[in-house]
C-alpha atoms as a PDB file:
ATOM      1  CA  MET A   1     -31.715   3.206  -5.670  1.00  0.00           C
ATOM      2  CA  ASN A   2     -29.879   0.864  -8.038  1.00  0.00           C
ATOM      3  CA  TYR A   3     -27.836  -1.416  -5.788  1.00  0.00           C
ATOM      4  CA  SER A   4     -26.131  -3.199  -8.682  1.00  0.00           C
ATOM      5  CA  ASP A   5     -24.723   0.163  -9.779  1.00  0.00           C
ATOM      6  CA  LEU A   6     -23.559   0.800  -6.228  1.00  0.00           C
ATOM      7  CA  GLN A   7     -21.900  -2.592  -6.104  1.00  0.00           C
ATOM      8  CA  ASN A   8     -20.110  -2.097  -9.412  1.00  0.00           C
ATOM      9  CA  PHE A   9     -19.184   1.538  -9.363  1.00  0.00           C
ATOM     10  CA  GLY A  10     -19.133   2.797  -5.785  1.00  0.00           C
ATOM     11  CA  PHE A  11     -21.282   5.627  -4.483  1.00  0.00           C
ATOM     12  CA  LEU A  12     -20.538   8.412  -6.905  1.00  0.00           C
ATOM     13  CA  LYS A  13     -24.130   9.523  -7.556  1.00  0.00           C
ATOM     14  CA  ILE A  14     -25.752   9.489  -4.128  1.00  0.00           C
ATOM     15  CA  ASP A  15     -26.777  12.916  -2.818  1.00  0.00           C
ATOM     16  CA  LEU A  16     -26.302  13.395   0.915  1.00  0.00           C
ATOM     17  CA  PRO A  17     -28.362  15.680   3.180  1.00  0.00           C
ATOM     18  CA  LYS A  18     -26.766  19.121   3.315  1.00  0.00           C
ATOM     19  CA  ASP A  19     -26.770  19.352   7.105  1.00  0.00           C
ATOM     20  CA  ILE A  20     -25.253  15.920   7.810  1.00  0.00           C
ATOM     21  CA  ASN A  21     -22.158  15.679  10.013  1.00  0.00           C
ATOM     22  CA  LEU A  22     -20.372  12.881   8.213  1.00  0.00           C
ATOM     23  CA  LYS A  23     -17.742  12.234  10.849  1.00  0.00           C
ATOM     24  CA  ASP A  24     -20.346  11.843  13.606  1.00  0.00           C
ATOM     25  CA  GLU A  25     -22.546   9.628  11.443  1.00  0.00           C
ATOM     26  CA  ILE A  26     -19.624   7.429  10.425  1.00  0.00           C
ATOM     27  CA  ASN A  27     -18.669   6.916  14.074  1.00  0.00           C
ATOM     28  CA  LYS A  28     -22.289   6.002  14.918  1.00  0.00           C
ATOM     29  CA  LEU A  29     -22.502   3.516  12.057  1.00  0.00           C
ATOM     30  CA  LYS A  30     -19.146   2.020  12.958  1.00  0.00           C
ATOM     31  CA  LYS A  31     -20.235   1.412  16.540  1.00  0.00           C
ATOM     32  CA  LYS A  32     -23.674   0.101  15.548  1.00  0.00           C
ATOM     33  CA  LYS A  33     -22.288  -2.365  12.996  1.00  0.00           C
ATOM     34  CA  ASN A  34     -19.133  -3.361  14.925  1.00  0.00           C
ATOM     35  CA  ALA A  35     -16.982  -2.172  12.046  1.00  0.00           C
ATOM     36  CA  VAL A  36     -13.301  -1.290  11.954  1.00  0.00           C
ATOM     37  CA  ILE A  37     -11.811   1.231   9.539  1.00  0.00           C
ATOM     38  CA  LEU A  38      -8.330   0.434   8.215  1.00  0.00           C
ATOM     39  CA  GLY A  39      -6.634   3.342   6.463  1.00  0.00           C
ATOM     40  CA  HIS A  40      -3.468   3.460   4.402  1.00  0.00           C
ATOM     41  CA  PHE A  41      -0.920   6.261   4.736  1.00  0.00           C
ATOM     42  CA  TYR A  42      -1.682   7.424   1.192  1.00  0.00           C
ATOM     43  CA  ILE A  43      -5.344   8.395   1.646  1.00  0.00           C
ATOM     44  CA  ASP A  44      -6.295  11.997   2.408  1.00  0.00           C
ATOM     45  CA  GLY A  45      -5.583  13.296   5.919  1.00  0.00           C
ATOM     46  CA  GLU A  46      -9.277  13.664   6.722  1.00  0.00           C
ATOM     47  CA  LEU A  47      -9.738   9.926   6.195  1.00  0.00           C
ATOM     48  CA  GLN A  48      -6.545   9.024   8.039  1.00  0.00           C
ATOM     49  CA  ASP A  49      -7.874  10.866  11.083  1.00  0.00           C
ATOM     50  CA  ILE A  50     -11.151   8.929  11.102  1.00  0.00           C
ATOM     51  CA  SER A  51      -9.478   5.525  10.646  1.00  0.00           C
ATOM     52  CA  ASP A  52      -9.165   3.151  13.612  1.00  0.00           C
ATOM     53  CA  TYR A  53      -5.798   1.969  12.345  1.00  0.00           C
ATOM     54  CA  ILE A  54      -3.487   3.778   9.967  1.00  0.00           C
ATOM     55  CA  GLY A  55      -0.440   2.123   8.499  1.00  0.00           C
ATOM     56  CA  ASP A  56       1.423   0.640   5.555  1.00  0.00           C
ATOM     57  CA  SER A  57       0.587  -2.642   3.863  1.00  0.00           C
ATOM     58  CA  LEU A  58       2.302  -4.856   6.461  1.00  0.00           C
ATOM     59  CA  GLN A  59       0.730  -3.109   9.442  1.00  0.00           C
ATOM     60  CA  LEU A  60      -2.743  -3.217   7.902  1.00  0.00           C
ATOM     61  CA  SER A  61      -2.372  -6.876   6.913  1.00  0.00           C
ATOM     62  CA  GLN A  62      -1.492  -7.649  10.518  1.00  0.00           C
ATOM     63  CA  GLN A  63      -4.530  -5.719  11.785  1.00  0.00           C
ATOM     64  CA  ALA A  64      -6.831  -7.420   9.288  1.00  0.00           C
ATOM     65  CA  SER A  65      -5.653 -10.843  10.456  1.00  0.00           C
ATOM     66  CA  LYS A  66      -6.486 -10.245  14.123  1.00  0.00           C
ATOM     67  CA  THR A  67      -9.443  -7.862  14.253  1.00  0.00           C
ATOM     68  CA  ASP A  68     -12.606  -8.983  16.062  1.00  0.00           C
ATOM     69  CA  ALA A  69     -14.834  -6.587  14.088  1.00  0.00           C
ATOM     70  CA  ASP A  70     -17.703  -7.980  12.023  1.00  0.00           C
ATOM     71  CA  ILE A  71     -17.062  -5.557   9.162  1.00  0.00           C
ATOM     72  CA  ILE A  72     -13.714  -4.361   7.794  1.00  0.00           C
ATOM     73  CA  VAL A  73     -13.838  -1.069   5.913  1.00  0.00           C
ATOM     74  CA  PHE A  74     -10.675  -0.661   3.888  1.00  0.00           C
ATOM     75  CA  LEU A  75      -9.583   2.832   2.927  1.00  0.00           C
ATOM     76  CA  GLY A  76      -6.907   2.099   0.389  1.00  0.00           C
ATOM     77  CA  VAL A  77      -6.931   0.267  -2.916  1.00  0.00           C
ATOM     78  CA  HIS A  78      -8.575  -2.949  -4.036  1.00  0.00           C
ATOM     79  CA  PHE A  79      -5.718  -5.406  -3.483  1.00  0.00           C
ATOM     80  CA  MET A  80      -5.522  -4.310   0.170  1.00  0.00           C
ATOM     81  CA  ALA A  81      -9.189  -5.065   0.774  1.00  0.00           C
ATOM     82  CA  GLU A  82      -8.761  -8.340  -1.098  1.00  0.00           C
ATOM     83  CA  THR A  83      -5.872  -9.245   1.226  1.00  0.00           C
ATOM     84  CA  ALA A  84      -8.065  -8.482   4.242  1.00  0.00           C
ATOM     85  CA  LYS A  85     -10.776 -10.786   2.856  1.00  0.00           C
ATOM     86  CA  ILE A  86      -8.241 -13.546   2.241  1.00  0.00           C
ATOM     87  CA  LEU A  87      -7.135 -13.338   5.878  1.00  0.00           C
ATOM     88  CA  SER A  88     -10.642 -12.854   7.316  1.00  0.00           C
ATOM     89  CA  PRO A  89     -13.022 -14.897   5.124  1.00  0.00           C
ATOM     90  CA  ASN A  90     -15.852 -14.851   7.680  1.00  0.00           C
ATOM     91  CA  LYS A  91     -15.896 -11.065   7.911  1.00  0.00           C
ATOM     92  CA  LYS A  92     -17.545  -8.671   5.519  1.00  0.00           C
ATOM     93  CA  VAL A  93     -14.970  -6.503   3.750  1.00  0.00           C
ATOM     94  CA  ILE A  94     -16.181  -3.315   2.091  1.00  0.00           C
ATOM     95  CA  VAL A  95     -14.522  -0.424   0.260  1.00  0.00           C
ATOM     96  CA  PRO A  96     -15.716   3.076  -0.605  1.00  0.00           C
ATOM     97  CA  ASP A  97     -15.010   2.671  -4.336  1.00  0.00           C
ATOM     98  CA  LEU A  98     -14.291  -0.501  -6.302  1.00  0.00           C
ATOM     99  CA  LYS A  99     -12.486   1.557  -8.937  1.00  0.00           C
ATOM    100  CA  ALA A 100      -9.650   2.248  -6.499  1.00  0.00           C
ATOM    101  CA  GLY A 101      -7.197  -0.091  -8.176  1.00  0.00           C
ATOM    102  CA  CYS A 102      -3.393  -0.192  -8.354  1.00  0.00           C
ATOM    103  CA  SER A 103      -1.134   0.456 -11.339  1.00  0.00           C
ATOM    104  CA  LEU A 104       1.504  -1.901  -9.926  1.00  0.00           C
ATOM    105  CA  ALA A 105      -0.974  -4.760  -9.477  1.00  0.00           C
ATOM    106  CA  ASP A 106      -2.285  -4.091 -12.996  1.00  0.00           C
ATOM    107  CA  SER A 107       1.253  -4.376 -14.390  1.00  0.00           C
ATOM    108  CA  CYS A 108       1.309  -8.083 -13.527  1.00  0.00           C
ATOM    109  CA  PRO A 109      -1.484 -10.104 -15.204  1.00  0.00           C
ATOM    110  CA  ALA A 110      -1.828 -13.556 -13.660  1.00  0.00           C
ATOM    111  CA  ASP A 111      -1.634 -15.486 -16.949  1.00  0.00           C
ATOM    112  CA  LYS A 112       1.544 -13.711 -18.013  1.00  0.00           C
ATOM    113  CA  PHE A 113       3.112 -14.140 -14.580  1.00  0.00           C
ATOM    114  CA  ALA A 114       2.311 -17.871 -14.620  1.00  0.00           C
ATOM    115  CA  GLU A 115       4.129 -18.160 -17.959  1.00  0.00           C
ATOM    116  CA  PHE A 116       7.057 -16.197 -16.520  1.00  0.00           C
ATOM    117  CA  ILE A 117       7.324 -18.590 -13.563  1.00  0.00           C
ATOM    118  CA  LYS A 118       7.425 -21.608 -15.892  1.00  0.00           C
ATOM    119  CA  GLN A 119      10.557 -20.194 -17.507  1.00  0.00           C
ATOM    120  CA  TYR A 120      12.416 -20.523 -14.194  1.00  0.00           C
ATOM    121  CA  PRO A 121      11.746 -23.973 -12.699  1.00  0.00           C
ATOM    122  CA  GLY A 122      13.010 -24.594  -9.193  1.00  0.00           C
ATOM    123  CA  HIS A 123      12.682 -20.950  -8.158  1.00  0.00           C
ATOM    124  CA  THR A 124      10.922 -19.711  -5.014  1.00  0.00           C
ATOM    125  CA  VAL A 125       8.328 -17.121  -5.994  1.00  0.00           C
ATOM    126  CA  ILE A 126       8.252 -13.979  -3.862  1.00  0.00           C
ATOM    127  CA  SER A 127       5.586 -11.426  -4.676  1.00  0.00           C
ATOM    128  CA  TYR A 128       5.055  -7.947  -3.361  1.00  0.00           C
ATOM    129  CA  VAL A 129       1.763  -7.531  -1.502  1.00  0.00           C
ATOM    130  CA  ASN A 130       0.682  -5.006  -4.170  1.00  0.00           C
ATOM    131  CA  THR A 131      -0.815  -7.790  -6.282  1.00  0.00           C
ATOM    132  CA  THR A 132      -4.118  -9.480  -6.993  1.00  0.00           C
ATOM    133  CA  ALA A 133      -5.308 -12.635  -5.274  1.00  0.00           C
ATOM    134  CA  GLU A 134      -4.506 -14.554  -8.470  1.00  0.00           C
ATOM    135  CA  ILE A 135      -0.842 -13.524  -8.226  1.00  0.00           C
ATOM    136  CA  LYS A 136      -0.708 -14.358  -4.520  1.00  0.00           C
ATOM    137  CA  ALA A 137      -2.061 -17.818  -5.372  1.00  0.00           C
ATOM    138  CA  LEU A 138       0.968 -18.332  -7.665  1.00  0.00           C
ATOM    139  CA  THR A 139       3.334 -17.142  -4.935  1.00  0.00           C
ATOM    140  CA  ASP A 140       5.302 -18.925  -2.221  1.00  0.00           C
ATOM    141  CA  ILE A 141       5.893 -15.897   0.018  1.00  0.00           C
ATOM    142  CA  VAL A 142       4.296 -12.462  -0.048  1.00  0.00           C
ATOM    143  CA  VAL A 143       6.398  -9.521   1.139  1.00  0.00           C
ATOM    144  CA  THR A 144       5.921  -5.814   1.775  1.00  0.00           C
ATOM    145  CA  SER A 145       8.472  -3.026   1.494  1.00  0.00           C
ATOM    146  CA  SER A 146       8.759  -3.208   5.306  1.00  0.00           C
ATOM    147  CA  ASN A 147       9.891  -6.827   5.435  1.00  0.00           C
ATOM    148  CA  ALA A 148      11.172  -7.748   1.945  1.00  0.00           C
ATOM    149  CA  LYS A 149      14.880  -7.495   2.802  1.00  0.00           C
ATOM    150  CA  GLN A 150      14.557  -9.482   6.032  1.00  0.00           C
ATOM    151  CA  ILE A 151      12.463 -12.212   4.414  1.00  0.00           C
ATOM    152  CA  VAL A 152      14.857 -12.553   1.476  1.00  0.00           C
ATOM    153  CA  ASP A 153      17.785 -12.636   3.923  1.00  0.00           C
ATOM    154  CA  SER A 154      16.061 -15.430   5.869  1.00  0.00           C
ATOM    155  CA  LEU A 155      16.218 -17.765   2.861  1.00  0.00           C
ATOM    156  CA  PRO A 156      19.306 -19.847   2.045  1.00  0.00           C
ATOM    157  CA  LYS A 157      21.948 -17.883   0.130  1.00  0.00           C
ATOM    158  CA  ASP A 158      21.845 -20.288  -2.795  1.00  0.00           C
ATOM    159  CA  GLU A 159      18.048 -20.280  -3.106  1.00  0.00           C
ATOM    160  CA  LYS A 160      16.856 -19.273  -6.560  1.00  0.00           C
ATOM    161  CA  ILE A 161      14.182 -16.579  -6.380  1.00  0.00           C
ATOM    162  CA  ILE A 162      11.682 -14.919  -8.673  1.00  0.00           C
ATOM    163  CA  PHE A 163      10.571 -11.494  -7.438  1.00  0.00           C
ATOM    164  CA  GLY A 164       7.572  -9.598  -8.739  1.00  0.00           C
ATOM    165  CA  PRO A 165       5.984  -7.413  -9.714  1.00  0.00           C
ATOM    166  CA  ASP A 166       7.947  -4.251  -8.769  1.00  0.00           C
ATOM    167  CA  LYS A 167      11.257  -4.221 -10.613  1.00  0.00           C
ATOM    168  CA  ASN A 168      12.529  -1.149  -8.736  1.00  0.00           C
ATOM    169  CA  LEU A 169      11.934  -2.761  -5.346  1.00  0.00           C
ATOM    170  CA  GLY A 170      13.447  -6.006  -6.624  1.00  0.00           C
ATOM    171  CA  ASN A 171      16.565  -4.201  -7.878  1.00  0.00           C
ATOM    172  CA  TYR A 172      16.911  -2.467  -4.526  1.00  0.00           C
ATOM    173  CA  ILE A 173      16.575  -5.724  -2.567  1.00  0.00           C
ATOM    174  CA  ASN A 174      19.155  -7.349  -4.869  1.00  0.00           C
ATOM    175  CA  SER A 175      21.557  -4.458  -4.239  1.00  0.00           C
ATOM    176  CA  ILE A 176      21.373  -4.636  -0.437  1.00  0.00           C
ATOM    177  CA  THR A 177      21.261  -8.434  -0.075  1.00  0.00           C
ATOM    178  CA  GLY A 178      23.737  -9.471  -2.761  1.00  0.00           C
ATOM    179  CA  ARG A 179      21.082 -11.646  -4.377  1.00  0.00           C
ATOM    180  CA  ASN A 180      20.411 -12.087  -8.063  1.00  0.00           C
ATOM    181  CA  MET A 181      16.658 -12.538  -8.028  1.00  0.00           C
ATOM    182  CA  VAL A 182      14.881 -12.827 -11.362  1.00  0.00           C
ATOM    183  CA  LEU A 183      12.658  -9.752 -11.651  1.00  0.00           C
ATOM    184  CA  TRP A 184       9.271  -9.177 -13.248  1.00  0.00           C
ATOM    185  CA  ASP A 185       9.167  -5.822 -15.056  1.00  0.00           C
ATOM    186  CA  GLY A 186       6.401  -3.955 -13.192  1.00  0.00           C
ATOM    187  CA  ALA A 187       6.220  -0.531 -11.564  1.00  0.00           C
ATOM    188  CA  CYS A 188       4.053   1.852  -9.535  1.00  0.00           C
ATOM    189  CA  HIS A 189       2.995   4.926 -11.524  1.00  0.00           C
ATOM    190  CA  VAL A 190       3.537   7.182  -8.486  1.00  0.00           C
ATOM    191  CA  HIS A 191       7.063   6.087  -7.608  1.00  0.00           C
ATOM    192  CA  LYS A 192       8.095   5.684 -11.236  1.00  0.00           C
ATOM    193  CA  GLY A 193       7.059   9.293 -11.810  1.00  0.00           C
ATOM    194  CA  PHE A 194       9.728  10.952  -9.674  1.00  0.00           C
ATOM    195  CA  ASP A 195      12.412  12.743 -11.672  1.00  0.00           C
ATOM    196  CA  LEU A 196      16.014  12.908 -10.460  1.00  0.00           C
ATOM    197  CA  GLU A 197      16.639  16.397 -11.871  1.00  0.00           C
ATOM    198  CA  VAL A 198      13.576  17.822 -10.118  1.00  0.00           C
ATOM    199  CA  ILE A 199      14.632  16.284  -6.815  1.00  0.00           C
ATOM    200  CA  LEU A 200      18.203  17.574  -7.177  1.00  0.00           C
ATOM    201  CA  LYS A 201      16.877  21.065  -7.864  1.00  0.00           C
ATOM    202  CA  LEU A 202      14.841  20.858  -4.668  1.00  0.00           C
ATOM    203  CA  LYS A 203      17.979  19.747  -2.839  1.00  0.00           C
ATOM    204  CA  GLU A 204      19.913  22.675  -4.307  1.00  0.00           C
ATOM    205  CA  GLN A 205      17.201  25.048  -3.075  1.00  0.00           C
ATOM    206  CA  ASN A 206      17.128  23.304   0.319  1.00  0.00           C
ATOM    207  CA  PRO A 207      20.701  22.159   1.042  1.00  0.00           C
ATOM    208  CA  ASP A 208      19.825  21.427   4.670  1.00  0.00           C
ATOM    209  CA  ALA A 209      17.097  18.943   3.687  1.00  0.00           C
ATOM    210  CA  LYS A 210      17.582  15.186   3.616  1.00  0.00           C
ATOM    211  CA  ILE A 211      16.194  13.240   0.665  1.00  0.00           C
ATOM    212  CA  ILE A 212      14.216  10.172   1.751  1.00  0.00           C
ATOM    213  CA  ALA A 213      12.626   7.734  -0.677  1.00  0.00           C
ATOM    214  CA  HIS A 214      10.487   4.633  -0.973  1.00  0.00           C
ATOM    215  CA  PRO A 215      12.278   1.651  -2.582  1.00  0.00           C
ATOM    216  CA  GLU A 216       9.680   1.558  -5.368  1.00  0.00           C
ATOM    217  CA  CYS A 217      11.419   4.653  -6.791  1.00  0.00           C
ATOM    218  CA  GLU A 218      13.810   4.396  -9.734  1.00  0.00           C
ATOM    219  CA  THR A 219      17.434   3.564  -8.876  1.00  0.00           C
ATOM    220  CA  PRO A 220      18.867   7.078  -9.589  1.00  0.00           C
ATOM    221  CA  VAL A 221      16.482   8.556  -6.999  1.00  0.00           C
ATOM    222  CA  LEU A 222      17.456   5.914  -4.438  1.00  0.00           C
ATOM    223  CA  LEU A 223      21.158   6.559  -5.010  1.00  0.00           C
ATOM    224  CA  VAL A 224      20.861  10.226  -3.973  1.00  0.00           C
ATOM    225  CA  SER A 225      18.606   9.461  -0.997  1.00  0.00           C
ATOM    226  CA  GLU A 226      19.924   9.545   2.551  1.00  0.00           C
ATOM    227  CA  HIS A 227      17.303   7.088   3.760  1.00  0.00           C
ATOM    228  CA  VAL A 228      15.416   4.451   1.762  1.00  0.00           C
ATOM    229  CA  GLY A 229      12.568   2.555   3.353  1.00  0.00           C
ATOM    230  CA  SER A 230       8.912   1.602   3.503  1.00  0.00           C
ATOM    231  CA  THR A 231       6.311   4.246   4.231  1.00  0.00           C
ATOM    232  CA  SER A 232       6.360   3.452   7.942  1.00  0.00           C
ATOM    233  CA  SER A 233      10.178   3.479   7.895  1.00  0.00           C
ATOM    234  CA  LEU A 234      10.203   6.928   6.284  1.00  0.00           C
ATOM    235  CA  LEU A 235       7.795   8.181   8.927  1.00  0.00           C
ATOM    236  CA  LYS A 236       9.914   6.813  11.754  1.00  0.00           C
ATOM    237  CA  PHE A 237      13.093   8.258  10.243  1.00  0.00           C
ATOM    238  CA  THR A 238      11.622  11.777  10.167  1.00  0.00           C
ATOM    239  CA  GLN A 239      10.697  11.416  13.839  1.00  0.00           C
ATOM    240  CA  THR A 240      14.088  10.222  15.038  1.00  0.00           C
ATOM    241  CA  ASP A 241      16.546  11.943  12.710  1.00  0.00           C
ATOM    242  CA  SER A 242      18.126  15.207  13.815  1.00  0.00           C
ATOM    243  CA  SER A 243      17.380  16.966  10.531  1.00  0.00           C
ATOM    244  CA  ASN A 244      14.524  19.479  10.515  1.00  0.00           C
ATOM    245  CA  LYS A 245      13.791  19.349   6.785  1.00  0.00           C
ATOM    246  CA  PHE A 246      13.063  16.455   4.431  1.00  0.00           C
ATOM    247  CA  ILE A 247      12.425  16.022   0.709  1.00  0.00           C
ATOM    248  CA  VAL A 248       9.999  13.101   0.607  1.00  0.00           C
ATOM    249  CA  ALA A 249       9.929  10.864  -2.484  1.00  0.00           C
ATOM    250  CA  THR A 250       6.796   8.818  -1.990  1.00  0.00           C
ATOM    251  CA  GLU A 251       3.033   9.363  -2.221  1.00  0.00           C
ATOM    252  CA  SER A 252       2.240  12.700  -0.584  1.00  0.00           C
ATOM    253  CA  GLY A 253      -0.436  11.308   1.766  1.00  0.00           C
ATOM    254  CA  ILE A 254       2.275  10.296   4.253  1.00  0.00           C
ATOM    255  CA  LEU A 255       3.097  13.965   4.867  1.00  0.00           C
ATOM    256  CA  HIS A 256      -0.062  14.214   6.975  1.00  0.00           C
ATOM    257  CA  GLN A 257       1.328  11.769   9.530  1.00  0.00           C
ATOM    258  CA  MET A 258       4.813  13.267   9.314  1.00  0.00           C
ATOM    259  CA  LYS A 259       3.485  16.731  10.120  1.00  0.00           C
ATOM    260  CA  LYS A 260       1.374  15.386  12.989  1.00  0.00           C
ATOM    261  CA  ALA A 261       4.327  13.525  14.483  1.00  0.00           C
ATOM    262  CA  SER A 262       6.853  16.344  13.954  1.00  0.00           C
ATOM    263  CA  PRO A 263       4.954  19.647  13.698  1.00  0.00           C
ATOM    264  CA  ASN A 264       8.125  21.743  13.920  1.00  0.00           C
ATOM    265  CA  LYS A 265       9.823  20.038  10.986  1.00  0.00           C
ATOM    266  CA  ILE A 266       9.492  20.898   7.294  1.00  0.00           C
ATOM    267  CA  PHE A 267       8.413  18.312   4.726  1.00  0.00           C
ATOM    268  CA  ILE A 268       8.762  18.959   1.008  1.00  0.00           C
ATOM    269  CA  PRO A 269       6.940  16.533  -1.292  1.00  0.00           C
ATOM    270  CA  ALA A 270       9.001  15.490  -4.283  1.00  0.00           C
ATOM    271  CA  PRO A 271       6.759  16.217  -7.282  1.00  0.00           C
ATOM    272  CA  ALA A 272       6.205  14.103 -10.339  1.00  0.00           C
ATOM    273  CA  LEU A 273       7.763  15.457 -13.515  1.00  0.00           C
ATOM    274  CA  ASP A 274       4.377  16.538 -14.902  1.00  0.00           C
ATOM    275  CA  SER A 275       2.922  17.607 -11.542  1.00  0.00           C
ATOM    276  CA  THR A 276       0.859  20.801 -11.343  1.00  0.00           C
ATOM    277  CA  CYS A 277       0.354  20.650  -7.565  1.00  0.00           C
ATOM    278  CA  GLY A 278       3.973  20.277  -6.439  1.00  0.00           C
ATOM    279  CA  CYS A 279       3.308  16.766  -5.122  1.00  0.00           C
ATOM    280  CA  ASN A 280       2.836  13.211  -6.352  1.00  0.00           C
ATOM    281  CA  ASN A 281      -0.553  11.673  -5.620  1.00  0.00           C
ATOM    282  CA  CYS A 282      -1.972   8.221  -6.276  1.00  0.00           C
ATOM    283  CA  ASN A 283      -5.178   8.941  -8.152  1.00  0.00           C
ATOM    284  CA  PHE A 284      -6.550   5.563  -7.057  1.00  0.00           C
ATOM    285  CA  MET A 285      -6.026   6.285  -3.346  1.00  0.00           C
ATOM    286  CA  LYS A 286      -7.685   9.650  -3.799  1.00  0.00           C
ATOM    287  CA  LEU A 287     -10.902   7.964  -4.983  1.00  0.00           C
ATOM    288  CA  ASN A 288     -11.562   7.361  -1.291  1.00  0.00           C
ATOM    289  CA  THR A 289     -13.634  10.227   0.133  1.00  0.00           C
ATOM    290  CA  ILE A 290     -15.499  10.792   3.380  1.00  0.00           C
ATOM    291  CA  GLU A 291     -18.826  10.871   1.490  1.00  0.00           C
ATOM    292  CA  LYS A 292     -18.141   7.471  -0.065  1.00  0.00           C
ATOM    293  CA  LEU A 293     -17.000   6.134   3.306  1.00  0.00           C
ATOM    294  CA  TYR A 294     -20.318   7.132   4.879  1.00  0.00           C
ATOM    295  CA  ASN A 295     -22.375   5.475   2.135  1.00  0.00           C
ATOM    296  CA  CYS A 296     -20.113   2.430   2.190  1.00  0.00           C
ATOM    297  CA  LEU A 297     -20.821   1.910   5.890  1.00  0.00           C
ATOM    298  CA  LYS A 298     -24.497   2.752   5.600  1.00  0.00           C
ATOM    299  CA  TYR A 299     -25.255   0.311   2.780  1.00  0.00           C
ATOM    300  CA  GLU A 300     -22.376  -2.144   3.446  1.00  0.00           C
ATOM    301  CA  LEU A 301     -21.413  -1.898  -0.206  1.00  0.00           C
ATOM    302  CA  PRO A 302     -19.384  -2.322  -2.376  1.00  0.00           C
ATOM    303  CA  GLU A 303     -18.295  -5.641  -0.907  1.00  0.00           C
ATOM    304  CA  VAL A 304     -15.031  -7.380  -1.780  1.00  0.00           C
ATOM    305  CA  ASN A 305     -15.173 -11.150  -2.086  1.00  0.00           C
ATOM    306  CA  VAL A 306     -12.648 -13.811  -3.086  1.00  0.00           C
ATOM    307  CA  GLU A 307     -13.717 -17.206  -4.423  1.00  0.00           C
ATOM    308  CA  GLU A 308     -12.912 -19.804  -1.758  1.00  0.00           C
ATOM    309  CA  SER A 309     -10.544 -22.075  -3.701  1.00  0.00           C
ATOM    310  CA  LEU A 310      -8.569 -19.031  -4.849  1.00  0.00           C
ATOM    311  CA  ARG A 311      -8.626 -17.588  -1.339  1.00  0.00           C
ATOM    312  CA  LYS A 312      -7.094 -20.740   0.152  1.00  0.00           C
ATOM    313  CA  LYS A 313      -4.274 -20.743  -2.404  1.00  0.00           C
ATOM    314  CA  ALA A 314      -3.557 -17.037  -1.890  1.00  0.00           C
ATOM    315  CA  GLU A 315      -3.742 -17.300   1.890  1.00  0.00           C
ATOM    316  CA  LYS A 316      -0.749 -19.654   2.117  1.00  0.00           C
ATOM    317  CA  SER A 317       1.696 -17.067   0.787  1.00  0.00           C
ATOM    318  CA  ILE A 318       0.365 -14.324   3.073  1.00  0.00           C
ATOM    319  CA  ILE A 319       0.380 -16.563   6.142  1.00  0.00           C
ATOM    320  CA  ARG A 320       3.961 -17.516   5.399  1.00  0.00           C
ATOM    321  CA  MET A 321       4.879 -13.819   5.306  1.00  0.00           C
ATOM    322  CA  LEU A 322       3.151 -13.163   8.618  1.00  0.00           C
ATOM    323  CA  GLU A 323       4.811 -16.195  10.215  1.00  0.00           C
ATOM    324  CA  ILE A 324       8.288 -15.198   9.062  1.00  0.00           C
ATOM    325  CA  SER A 325       7.672 -11.587  10.080  1.00  0.00           C
ATOM    326  CA  SER A 326       6.571 -12.693  13.532  1.00  0.00           C
ATOM    327  CA  LYS A 327       9.597 -14.972  13.892  1.00  0.00           C
ATOM    328  CA  LEU A 328      11.908 -12.129  12.887  1.00  0.00           C
ATOM    329  CA  GLY A 329      10.158  -9.709  15.246  1.00  0.00           C
ATOM    330  CA  LEU A 330       8.915  -7.437  12.464  1.00  0.00           C
END
């Protein structure tokens, strides 16, 4: 077995015994190794159900910062595991596939962002959590879609702010806070892919449905939505709102939790314009599979590490987010 290949490329070529019960074996390995599995809302339902904690970026960051496990297995994308390592440097952080990246994080190269910051001296730098450790190291405060508005509101009204990398989220926060933050021009391929005409056709076919959307969506989609919020906010809204039908404009993995929480309600995924499955999936999130999870736990690879000097710089912006969130009761 070539462990360097496993480290670099995940576990795509390992054949498993045909009679293995992966769920049972994963639970045995987890207990034996004192491991915790953190799963994002956008992974497949099968993996959500085997996770110890399921949540959005803020919730998982909070769990990563306080877990007493020796090993953190992150079912999500690379920047999430990197964040867990930044917060828990003495723990081993592993992922099922190192190729599970993020189009939004990729849209903001650290060298270009550093040049962008220099153009606006005296500005506080706020970066979305969907970024690399290098970007977090250039940042004053990290935010998630769950706490971005509240954190921006907590700063003085005259404070000059740079916000990156998601321009759609930045535009939305500007619109609801009255700020004029300088925005980096980045986007998520999933949320950028929703088409207003397709969503309006769905609404026409389902007039009793409420459109709900993640703030990473383009502005026209947000303007026709009856609720805009983070993934966890969308989930909560479907549980508490009186409507029985929702058109959901975010990654389709969240529908698994929505259906579990409200089995008698109807959830219609808003498709991407070029979708063939009637939904909008993050191809990076879907690189996580139960087979890769088993091998990841068994071999404790691939491991995510962050060089210590970079980790310390990046940690400051995340800690500041967690401190402000705690103070605000988020």
